[in-house]
Every structure is written in C-alpha cells, then in structure tokens.
Amino acid sequence: MLLGDRTVVVSGVGAGLGHRVAAACVREGARVVLGARTEENLARCAAEIDPGGGRTAYRAVDIAEEKQCEALAALAVERFGGIDAVVHVAALDTVMGGLEDADFEEWRRVLDVNLLGTLRMTRACLPALKDAESGSVVMIGTQSSVAAPTQVRQAAYAASKGGLVSAMYSLARELGPYGIRVNTVQPGWMWGPPVQGFVAASDDGEALLARLNRRMALPEMATDGDVAETAAFFASPRARGVTGQCLLVNAGEVMR
C-alpha cells in the first residue's frame, strides 16, 4: 500500500476532488484527517470512506483562519500521533473574470485563501511533519497558471495558484533539510462536480463535452479521481526522491 501506517491531512474535503483524495488515501492504507468549512460534508465523506470510523477524523476549518488551521493539525496529532503528509485541496475558485472587470478586494480574498491559506495550513502542520520519516506537502495547483484557458476566465484564481508554485520552490529548499518534500499537482479540465455542472448548464452539453475532449491528447479529459491518485503518490514514500516539482494531470491538453 502506498500510504500504509501514515497519517495524511486533507483540506477542502467536499463533494469533489477533496473527497476523492481522502478516499484514495484511506484505500492506500492511510489514516486521514479531513478538513473543510462544512462539517456536514466532512461527516458524509468520513462515513462513506471509513464506515468503521477508526481511520478518519474531521474538523470544520477555514484555512483563512490561522487558529483553525492549528486546531486541525492538533487533531491529527492527538488522534493519530503525528502527520506524515498534508494535501491542500481547499481553494476559492468562484471569482470569475480578468483584469478589466477585476474587483481587487475579491482578488485579495482569493489570494488570502489560495496562497496564504495554504501556507497557514502548511505551517500549522510543520512541527509534526518535521518528526515524520519522510514528510510530504502536496499542493493542488491549476493548469491555468501556466496556460490561460479560452473557455472560462479566472485570472484571480490562476494568479493565486501561480504564486503557490513560486512558494513551492522556496518551501522545497527550506524544508528539504527536514526530509519534507513539497510538490504540486496541476489539473487541467477535470471531470468532476464543477465541470459536470458547467457542461450540464450548457445549451448543448454533449457537444461542449465533445469539444473539450477533442483538446486532449488522450481520448477524454482526466477525472478528479486521476488527480487524486497523483496526489496520493506524491504524499507517499514512493515519491521520496521528488521535491519542488509540478505535474500536469490534464490528459495531455497542455504539454510542458
């Protein structure tokens, strides 16, 4: 098992990618501590992926609040004795548009959650990660930070995730002496609840989906499950020699 006898903290556990990441980690043998703003979603996920309740714990957390980040990290240590990896899925991705129509207060909020919130959560977990045999920080980025999409415009989101990649390089160097690896998974179009909703809301969802899939080198876009599997790999000792790296999981739409 990739994650046997390891404890993984996952932020942003809702109905989509966060749920998939938590499920993949439990399946691969991990004890998983779930965090998100909505406790109902956390309870539902924990019951589904760990019916016995012995390998999961959860706490409502807003990563924009430092004390709440610290409380989630403390829960992992209290319940399972430490933290081996943290996977950052929590993000604010609902601010649309570009520069001309920008509300910079909204941009500030996006940066506070996606960039600073991820760093707050990382710092809260850091004392426990330093004690891990091979600690891992896994960030969820976005393809849009390296290749602007044509179908939708989310400049604030892309900028925040681009900043996170820059932070990743610094953190990989800073935390490397403690044996802590820092990597980023960058999804492109990802078949999961957000994209499914986008396609369903189209006047001709079937045609839209076909157009999107034609942009991929593979026959169809990657799923949120595919992204979750990559995150689980980065969190595991199998990736012990990998740090400071970004990996696009995008069915080959953009190749770098």
C-alpha atoms as a PDB file:
ATOM      1  CA  MET A   1       0.000   0.000   0.000  1.00  0.00           C
ATOM      2  CA  LEU A   2       1.258   3.467  -0.902  1.00  0.00           C
ATOM      3  CA  LEU A   3       0.342   5.048   2.423  1.00  0.00           C
ATOM      4  CA  GLY A   4       0.325   2.216   4.933  1.00  0.00           C
ATOM      5  CA  ASP A   5       0.806   3.378   8.536  1.00  0.00           C
ATOM      6  CA  ARG A   6       0.867   7.047   7.552  1.00  0.00           C
ATOM      7  CA  THR A   7      -1.330   9.962   8.602  1.00  0.00           C
ATOM      8  CA  VAL A   8      -2.492  12.406   5.945  1.00  0.00           C
ATOM      9  CA  VAL A   9      -4.280  15.719   6.480  1.00  0.00           C
ATOM     10  CA  VAL A  10      -6.563  16.716   3.588  1.00  0.00           C
ATOM     11  CA  SER A  11      -8.083  20.194   3.389  1.00  0.00           C
ATOM     12  CA  GLY A  12     -11.061  21.144   1.256  1.00  0.00           C
ATOM     13  CA  VAL A  13     -12.973  17.878   1.567  1.00  0.00           C
ATOM     14  CA  GLY A  14     -16.279  18.438  -0.191  1.00  0.00           C
ATOM     15  CA  ALA A  15     -18.127  16.501  -2.847  1.00  0.00           C
ATOM     16  CA  GLY A  16     -15.377  16.621  -5.472  1.00  0.00           C
ATOM     17  CA  LEU A  17     -11.596  16.399  -5.508  1.00  0.00           C
ATOM     18  CA  GLY A  18     -11.095  16.611  -1.736  1.00  0.00           C
ATOM     19  CA  HIS A  19     -13.411  13.630  -1.259  1.00  0.00           C
ATOM     20  CA  ARG A  20     -11.530  11.697  -3.939  1.00  0.00           C
ATOM     21  CA  VAL A  21      -8.158  12.455  -2.364  1.00  0.00           C
ATOM     22  CA  ALA A  22      -9.346  11.355   1.077  1.00  0.00           C
ATOM     23  CA  ALA A  23     -10.846   8.161  -0.359  1.00  0.00           C
ATOM     24  CA  ALA A  24      -7.650   7.324  -2.254  1.00  0.00           C
ATOM     25  CA  CYS A  25      -5.531   7.851   0.859  1.00  0.00           C
ATOM     26  CA  VAL A  26      -7.756   5.608   3.008  1.00  0.00           C
ATOM     27  CA  ARG A  27      -7.759   2.938   0.301  1.00  0.00           C
ATOM     28  CA  GLU A  28      -3.956   3.081   0.238  1.00  0.00           C
ATOM     29  CA  GLY A  29      -3.761   2.420   3.973  1.00  0.00           C
ATOM     30  CA  ALA A  30      -3.558   5.923   5.472  1.00  0.00           C
ATOM     31  CA  ARG A  31      -5.224   7.414   8.496  1.00  0.00           C
ATOM     32  CA  VAL A  32      -6.850  10.572   7.181  1.00  0.00           C
ATOM     33  CA  VAL A  33      -7.797  13.797   8.932  1.00  0.00           C
ATOM     34  CA  LEU A  34     -10.392  15.735   6.951  1.00  0.00           C
ATOM     35  CA  GLY A  35     -10.859  19.487   6.985  1.00  0.00           C
ATOM     36  CA  ALA A  36     -13.395  21.769   5.256  1.00  0.00           C
ATOM     37  CA  ARG A  37     -15.689  24.616   6.184  1.00  0.00           C
ATOM     38  CA  THR A  38     -18.859  22.494   6.191  1.00  0.00           C
ATOM     39  CA  GLU A  39     -18.998  19.843   8.897  1.00  0.00           C
ATOM     40  CA  GLU A  40     -21.901  18.054   7.211  1.00  0.00           C
ATOM     41  CA  ASN A  41     -19.750  17.350   4.160  1.00  0.00           C
ATOM     42  CA  LEU A  42     -16.951  16.077   6.365  1.00  0.00           C
ATOM     43  CA  ALA A  43     -19.233  13.708   8.242  1.00  0.00           C
ATOM     44  CA  ARG A  44     -20.691  12.377   4.992  1.00  0.00           C
ATOM     45  CA  CYS A  45     -17.261  11.772   3.491  1.00  0.00           C
ATOM     46  CA  ALA A  46     -15.883  10.090   6.618  1.00  0.00           C
ATOM     47  CA  ALA A  47     -18.883   7.753   6.821  1.00  0.00           C
ATOM     48  CA  GLU A  48     -18.513   6.787   3.171  1.00  0.00           C
ATOM     49  CA  ILE A  49     -14.767   6.164   3.026  1.00  0.00           C
ATOM     50  CA  ASP A  50     -14.332   4.774   6.562  1.00  0.00           C
ATOM     51  CA  PRO A  51     -17.584   3.185   7.777  1.00  0.00           C
ATOM     52  CA  GLY A  52     -15.912   1.833  10.912  1.00  0.00           C
ATOM     53  CA  GLY A  53     -14.631   5.264  11.891  1.00  0.00           C
ATOM     54  CA  GLY A  54     -11.225   4.031  13.046  1.00  0.00           C
ATOM     55  CA  ARG A  55      -9.104   5.598  10.334  1.00  0.00           C
ATOM     56  CA  THR A  56     -10.592   9.061   9.893  1.00  0.00           C
ATOM     57  CA  ALA A  57     -11.133  12.165  11.971  1.00  0.00           C
ATOM     58  CA  TYR A  58     -12.504  15.516  10.895  1.00  0.00           C
ATOM     59  CA  ARG A  59     -12.941  19.094  11.974  1.00  0.00           C
ATOM     60  CA  ALA A  60     -14.558  22.130  10.364  1.00  0.00           C
ATOM     61  CA  VAL A  61     -11.817  24.563   9.322  1.00  0.00           C
ATOM     62  CA  ASP A  62     -11.493  27.760   7.340  1.00  0.00           C
ATOM     63  CA  ILE A  63      -7.892  27.963   6.131  1.00  0.00           C
ATOM     64  CA  ALA A  64      -8.143  31.754   6.149  1.00  0.00           C
ATOM     65  CA  GLU A  65      -8.087  31.487   9.970  1.00  0.00           C
ATOM     66  CA  GLU A  66      -4.738  30.541  11.486  1.00  0.00           C
ATOM     67  CA  LYS A  67      -6.146  29.209  14.770  1.00  0.00           C
ATOM     68  CA  GLN A  68      -8.475  26.877  12.889  1.00  0.00           C
ATOM     69  CA  CYS A  69      -5.542  25.524  10.865  1.00  0.00           C
ATOM     70  CA  GLU A  70      -3.661  24.882  14.084  1.00  0.00           C
ATOM     71  CA  ALA A  71      -6.686  23.096  15.543  1.00  0.00           C
ATOM     72  CA  LEU A  72      -6.894  20.719  12.571  1.00  0.00           C
ATOM     73  CA  ALA A  73      -3.193  19.883  12.847  1.00  0.00           C
ATOM     74  CA  ALA A  74      -3.592  19.341  16.594  1.00  0.00           C
ATOM     75  CA  LEU A  75      -6.480  16.934  15.956  1.00  0.00           C
ATOM     76  CA  ALA A  76      -4.243  14.816  13.711  1.00  0.00           C
ATOM     77  CA  VAL A  77      -1.526  14.641  16.352  1.00  0.00           C
ATOM     78  CA  GLU A  78      -3.995  13.952  19.170  1.00  0.00           C
ATOM     79  CA  ARG A  79      -5.925  11.275  17.297  1.00  0.00           C
ATOM     80  CA  PHE A  80      -3.182   9.534  15.318  1.00  0.00           C
ATOM     81  CA  GLY A  81       0.113  10.632  16.871  1.00  0.00           C
ATOM     82  CA  GLY A  82       1.537  12.757  14.081  1.00  0.00           C
ATOM     83  CA  ILE A  83       1.315  13.960  10.496  1.00  0.00           C
ATOM     84  CA  ASP A  84       3.182  12.418   7.576  1.00  0.00           C
ATOM     85  CA  ALA A  85       1.623  14.376   4.729  1.00  0.00           C
ATOM     86  CA  VAL A  86      -0.765  17.220   4.035  1.00  0.00           C
ATOM     87  CA  VAL A  87      -2.703  17.596   0.777  1.00  0.00           C
ATOM     88  CA  HIS A  88      -4.043  21.103   0.123  1.00  0.00           C
ATOM     89  CA  VAL A  89      -7.289  20.927  -1.852  1.00  0.00           C
ATOM     90  CA  ALA A  90      -9.129  23.848  -0.191  1.00  0.00           C
ATOM     91  CA  ALA A  91      -9.437  26.791  -2.573  1.00  0.00           C
ATOM     92  CA  LEU A  92     -11.639  29.694  -3.577  1.00  0.00           C
ATOM     93  CA  ASP A  93     -12.382  29.341  -7.300  1.00  0.00           C
ATOM     94  CA  THR A  94     -15.660  31.231  -7.765  1.00  0.00           C
ATOM     95  CA  VAL A  95     -14.256  34.665  -8.664  1.00  0.00           C
ATOM     96  CA  MET A  96     -14.555  34.969 -12.438  1.00  0.00           C
ATOM     97  CA  GLY A  97     -13.226  37.465 -14.971  1.00  0.00           C
ATOM     98  CA  GLY A  98      -9.983  39.165 -15.905  1.00  0.00           C
ATOM     99  CA  LEU A  99      -8.187  42.425 -15.258  1.00  0.00           C
ATOM    100  CA  GLU A 100     -10.555  44.907 -16.864  1.00  0.00           C
ATOM    101  CA  ASP A 101     -13.517  43.863 -14.745  1.00  0.00           C
ATOM    102  CA  ALA A 102     -11.480  42.974 -11.653  1.00  0.00           C
ATOM    103  CA  ASP A 103     -12.666  43.704  -8.139  1.00  0.00           C
ATOM    104  CA  PHE A 104      -9.322  43.720  -6.383  1.00  0.00           C
ATOM    105  CA  GLU A 105     -10.909  43.195  -2.986  1.00  0.00           C
ATOM    106  CA  GLU A 106     -12.213  39.909  -4.372  1.00  0.00           C
ATOM    107  CA  TRP A 107      -8.751  39.160  -5.716  1.00  0.00           C
ATOM    108  CA  ARG A 108      -7.354  39.859  -2.258  1.00  0.00           C
ATOM    109  CA  ARG A 109      -9.772  37.322  -0.799  1.00  0.00           C
ATOM    110  CA  VAL A 110      -8.743  34.710  -3.383  1.00  0.00           C
ATOM    111  CA  LEU A 111      -5.058  35.253  -2.590  1.00  0.00           C
ATOM    112  CA  ASP A 112      -5.749  35.088   1.151  1.00  0.00           C
ATOM    113  CA  VAL A 113      -7.396  31.686   0.821  1.00  0.00           C
ATOM    114  CA  ASN A 114      -5.492  30.012  -2.000  1.00  0.00           C
ATOM    115  CA  LEU A 115      -1.987  31.278  -1.333  1.00  0.00           C
ATOM    116  CA  LEU A 116      -1.799  32.402   2.287  1.00  0.00           C
ATOM    117  CA  GLY A 117      -4.357  29.863   3.497  1.00  0.00           C
ATOM    118  CA  THR A 118      -2.327  27.004   2.043  1.00  0.00           C
ATOM    119  CA  LEU A 119       0.792  28.373   3.704  1.00  0.00           C
ATOM    120  CA  ARG A 120      -1.051  28.796   7.023  1.00  0.00           C
ATOM    121  CA  MET A 121      -2.127  25.171   6.919  1.00  0.00           C
ATOM    122  CA  THR A 122       1.371  24.043   5.967  1.00  0.00           C
ATOM    123  CA  ARG A 123       2.921  25.959   8.862  1.00  0.00           C
ATOM    124  CA  ALA A 124       0.378  24.541  11.292  1.00  0.00           C
ATOM    125  CA  CYS A 125       1.364  21.002  10.241  1.00  0.00           C
ATOM    126  CA  LEU A 126       5.093  21.723  10.104  1.00  0.00           C
ATOM    127  CA  PRO A 127       6.123  20.691  13.643  1.00  0.00           C
ATOM    128  CA  ALA A 128       4.555  17.258  13.137  1.00  0.00           C
ATOM    129  CA  LEU A 129       5.882  16.936   9.571  1.00  0.00           C
ATOM    130  CA  LYS A 130       9.412  17.514  10.865  1.00  0.00           C
ATOM    131  CA  ASP A 131       9.012  14.421  13.039  1.00  0.00           C
ATOM    132  CA  ALA A 132       7.838  12.268  10.124  1.00  0.00           C
ATOM    133  CA  GLU A 133      10.228   9.843   8.462  1.00  0.00           C
ATOM    134  CA  SER A 134       9.512  11.274   5.016  1.00  0.00           C
ATOM    135  CA  GLY A 135       7.142  14.218   5.268  1.00  0.00           C
ATOM    136  CA  SER A 136       5.239  15.477   2.249  1.00  0.00           C
ATOM    137  CA  VAL A 137       3.338  18.635   1.325  1.00  0.00           C
ATOM    138  CA  VAL A 138       1.141  18.275  -1.761  1.00  0.00           C
ATOM    139  CA  MET A 139      -0.389  21.388  -3.286  1.00  0.00           C
ATOM    140  CA  ILE A 140      -3.207  21.349  -5.810  1.00  0.00           C
ATOM    141  CA  GLY A 141      -2.454  23.920  -8.460  1.00  0.00           C
ATOM    142  CA  THR A 142      -4.045  24.520 -11.843  1.00  0.00           C
ATOM    143  CA  GLN A 143      -3.109  24.305 -15.486  1.00  0.00           C
ATOM    144  CA  SER A 144      -4.474  27.832 -15.886  1.00  0.00           C
ATOM    145  CA  SER A 145      -1.466  29.227 -14.026  1.00  0.00           C
ATOM    146  CA  VAL A 146       0.777  28.146 -16.918  1.00  0.00           C
ATOM    147  CA  ALA A 147      -1.640  28.275 -19.879  1.00  0.00           C
ATOM    148  CA  ALA A 148      -4.579  30.686 -19.916  1.00  0.00           C
ATOM    149  CA  PRO A 149      -7.844  28.872 -20.701  1.00  0.00           C
ATOM    150  CA  THR A 150     -10.069  30.051 -23.533  1.00  0.00           C
ATOM    151  CA  GLN A 151     -13.383  28.649 -22.309  1.00  0.00           C
ATOM    152  CA  VAL A 152     -13.532  30.492 -18.964  1.00  0.00           C
ATOM    153  CA  ARG A 153     -11.553  33.335 -17.397  1.00  0.00           C
ATOM    154  CA  GLN A 154     -10.393  33.062 -13.785  1.00  0.00           C
ATOM    155  CA  ALA A 155      -7.433  35.422 -13.619  1.00  0.00           C
ATOM    156  CA  ALA A 156      -7.504  35.786  -9.820  1.00  0.00           C
ATOM    157  CA  TYR A 157      -7.573  32.026  -9.294  1.00  0.00           C
ATOM    158  CA  ALA A 158      -4.747  31.480 -11.823  1.00  0.00           C
ATOM    159  CA  ALA A 159      -2.627  34.206 -10.216  1.00  0.00           C
ATOM    160  CA  SER A 160      -3.111  32.776  -6.724  1.00  0.00           C
ATOM    161  CA  LYS A 161      -2.120  29.297  -7.854  1.00  0.00           C
ATOM    162  CA  GLY A 162       0.847  30.670  -9.791  1.00  0.00           C
ATOM    163  CA  GLY A 163       2.012  32.325  -6.593  1.00  0.00           C
ATOM    164  CA  LEU A 164       1.646  28.995  -4.831  1.00  0.00           C
ATOM    165  CA  VAL A 165       4.000  27.361  -7.336  1.00  0.00           C
ATOM    166  CA  SER A 166       6.602  30.042  -6.623  1.00  0.00           C
ATOM    167  CA  ALA A 167       6.154  29.421  -2.901  1.00  0.00           C
ATOM    168  CA  MET A 168       6.556  25.683  -3.524  1.00  0.00           C
ATOM    169  CA  TYR A 169      10.060  26.158  -4.902  1.00  0.00           C
ATOM    170  CA  SER A 170      11.114  28.141  -1.837  1.00  0.00           C
ATOM    171  CA  LEU A 171       9.490  25.688   0.553  1.00  0.00           C
ATOM    172  CA  ALA A 172      11.097  22.684  -1.152  1.00  0.00           C
ATOM    173  CA  ARG A 173      14.505  24.244  -0.488  1.00  0.00           C
ATOM    174  CA  GLU A 174      13.638  25.460   3.036  1.00  0.00           C
ATOM    175  CA  LEU A 175      12.040  22.224   4.250  1.00  0.00           C
ATOM    176  CA  GLY A 176      14.254  19.772   2.394  1.00  0.00           C
ATOM    177  CA  PRO A 177      16.792  19.527   5.246  1.00  0.00           C
ATOM    178  CA  TYR A 178      13.965  18.138   7.431  1.00  0.00           C
ATOM    179  CA  GLY A 179      13.230  15.441   4.848  1.00  0.00           C
ATOM    180  CA  ILE A 180       9.993  17.186   3.858  1.00  0.00           C
ATOM    181  CA  ARG A 181       9.092  17.112   0.156  1.00  0.00           C
ATOM    182  CA  VAL A 182       6.924  19.817  -1.452  1.00  0.00           C
ATOM    183  CA  ASN A 183       5.239  19.196  -4.826  1.00  0.00           C
ATOM    184  CA  THR A 184       2.287  20.443  -6.858  1.00  0.00           C
ATOM    185  CA  VAL A 185      -0.333  18.602  -8.877  1.00  0.00           C
ATOM    186  CA  GLN A 186      -1.740  20.798 -11.656  1.00  0.00           C
ATOM    187  CA  PRO A 187      -5.095  19.628 -13.047  1.00  0.00           C
ATOM    188  CA  GLY A 188      -6.492  20.916 -16.310  1.00  0.00           C
ATOM    189  CA  TRP A 189     -10.115  20.286 -17.247  1.00  0.00           C
ATOM    190  CA  MET A 190     -11.094  17.662 -14.703  1.00  0.00           C
ATOM    191  CA  TRP A 191     -14.235  15.558 -14.941  1.00  0.00           C
ATOM    192  CA  GLY A 192     -15.842  16.015 -11.539  1.00  0.00           C
ATOM    193  CA  PRO A 193     -18.691  18.028  -9.984  1.00  0.00           C
ATOM    194  CA  PRO A 194     -17.608  21.548 -11.124  1.00  0.00           C
ATOM    195  CA  VAL A 195     -17.038  20.590 -14.776  1.00  0.00           C
ATOM    196  CA  GLN A 196     -20.047  18.288 -14.776  1.00  0.00           C
ATOM    197  CA  GLY A 197     -22.162  21.244 -13.624  1.00  0.00           C
ATOM    198  CA  PHE A 198     -20.617  23.506 -16.265  1.00  0.00           C
ATOM    199  CA  VAL A 199     -21.417  21.004 -19.003  1.00  0.00           C
ATOM    200  CA  ALA A 200     -24.929  20.373 -17.685  1.00  0.00           C
ATOM    201  CA  ALA A 201     -25.682  24.116 -17.695  1.00  0.00           C
ATOM    202  CA  SER A 202     -24.722  24.444 -21.374  1.00  0.00           C
ATOM    203  CA  ASP A 203     -27.380  24.613 -24.063  1.00  0.00           C
ATOM    204  CA  ASP A 204     -25.773  21.575 -25.666  1.00  0.00           C
ATOM    205  CA  GLY A 205     -23.763  19.787 -23.017  1.00  0.00           C
ATOM    206  CA  GLU A 206     -22.976  16.788 -25.182  1.00  0.00           C
ATOM    207  CA  ALA A 207     -21.424  18.959 -27.901  1.00  0.00           C
ATOM    208  CA  LEU A 208     -19.496  21.014 -25.333  1.00  0.00           C
ATOM    209  CA  LEU A 209     -18.082  17.883 -23.736  1.00  0.00           C
ATOM    210  CA  ALA A 210     -17.055  16.550 -27.134  1.00  0.00           C
ATOM    211  CA  ARG A 211     -15.257  19.826 -27.919  1.00  0.00           C
ATOM    212  CA  LEU A 212     -13.417  19.752 -24.605  1.00  0.00           C
ATOM    213  CA  ASN A 213     -12.342  16.147 -25.055  1.00  0.00           C
ATOM    214  CA  ARG A 214     -11.032  16.840 -28.552  1.00  0.00           C
ATOM    215  CA  ARG A 215      -8.484  19.210 -26.996  1.00  0.00           C
ATOM    216  CA  MET A 216      -6.864  16.338 -25.118  1.00  0.00           C
ATOM    217  CA  ALA A 217      -4.076  14.082 -26.411  1.00  0.00           C
ATOM    218  CA  LEU A 218      -5.900  11.206 -24.743  1.00  0.00           C
ATOM    219  CA  PRO A 219      -9.477  10.407 -25.813  1.00  0.00           C
ATOM    220  CA  GLU A 220     -11.044  12.188 -22.836  1.00  0.00           C
ATOM    221  CA  MET A 221     -10.214  14.599 -20.026  1.00  0.00           C
ATOM    222  CA  ALA A 222      -8.722  13.390 -16.776  1.00  0.00           C
ATOM    223  CA  THR A 223     -11.085  12.834 -13.837  1.00  0.00           C
ATOM    224  CA  ASP A 224     -10.885  14.109 -10.285  1.00  0.00           C
ATOM    225  CA  GLY A 225     -10.003  10.516  -9.398  1.00  0.00           C
ATOM    226  CA  ASP A 226      -6.945  10.691 -11.668  1.00  0.00           C
ATOM    227  CA  VAL A 227      -5.792  13.852  -9.910  1.00  0.00           C
ATOM    228  CA  ALA A 228      -6.394  12.244  -6.505  1.00  0.00           C
ATOM    229  CA  GLU A 229      -4.235   9.247  -7.430  1.00  0.00           C
ATOM    230  CA  THR A 230      -1.357  11.571  -8.323  1.00  0.00           C
ATOM    231  CA  ALA A 231      -1.737  13.448  -5.038  1.00  0.00           C
ATOM    232  CA  ALA A 232      -1.654  10.151  -3.122  1.00  0.00           C
ATOM    233  CA  PHE A 233       1.557   9.194  -4.929  1.00  0.00           C
ATOM    234  CA  PHE A 234       3.248  12.491  -4.039  1.00  0.00           C
ATOM    235  CA  ALA A 235       2.150  12.009  -0.423  1.00  0.00           C
ATOM    236  CA  SER A 236       3.702   8.553  -0.289  1.00  0.00           C
ATOM    237  CA  PRO A 237       7.275   7.345   0.320  1.00  0.00           C
ATOM    238  CA  ARG A 238       7.280   6.107  -3.302  1.00  0.00           C
ATOM    239  CA  ALA A 239       7.992   9.739  -4.227  1.00  0.00           C
ATOM    240  CA  ARG A 240      10.740  10.163  -1.619  1.00  0.00           C
ATOM    241  CA  GLY A 241      13.217  11.487  -4.201  1.00  0.00           C
ATOM    242  CA  VAL A 242      10.820  14.017  -5.727  1.00  0.00           C
ATOM    243  CA  THR A 243      10.516  17.595  -4.477  1.00  0.00           C
ATOM    244  CA  GLY A 244       9.970  21.045  -5.954  1.00  0.00           C
ATOM    245  CA  GLN A 245       8.108  19.591  -8.936  1.00  0.00           C
ATOM    246  CA  CYS A 246       4.854  20.380 -10.754  1.00  0.00           C
ATOM    247  CA  LEU A 247       2.993  17.618 -12.572  1.00  0.00           C
ATOM    248  CA  LEU A 248       0.215  18.405 -15.021  1.00  0.00           C
ATOM    249  CA  VAL A 249      -2.633  15.899 -14.863  1.00  0.00           C
ATOM    250  CA  ASN A 250      -4.569  17.028 -17.907  1.00  0.00           C
ATOM    251  CA  ALA A 251      -4.867  14.167 -20.428  1.00  0.00           C
ATOM    252  CA  GLY A 252      -2.191  15.900 -22.499  1.00  0.00           C
ATOM    253  CA  GLU A 253      -4.100  19.098 -23.304  1.00  0.00           C
ATOM    254  CA  VAL A 254      -1.006  21.168 -22.469  1.00  0.00           C
ATOM    255  CA  MET A 255       2.458  19.590 -22.507  1.00  0.00           C
ATOM    256  CA  ARG A 256       5.497  21.169 -20.860  1.00  0.00           C
END
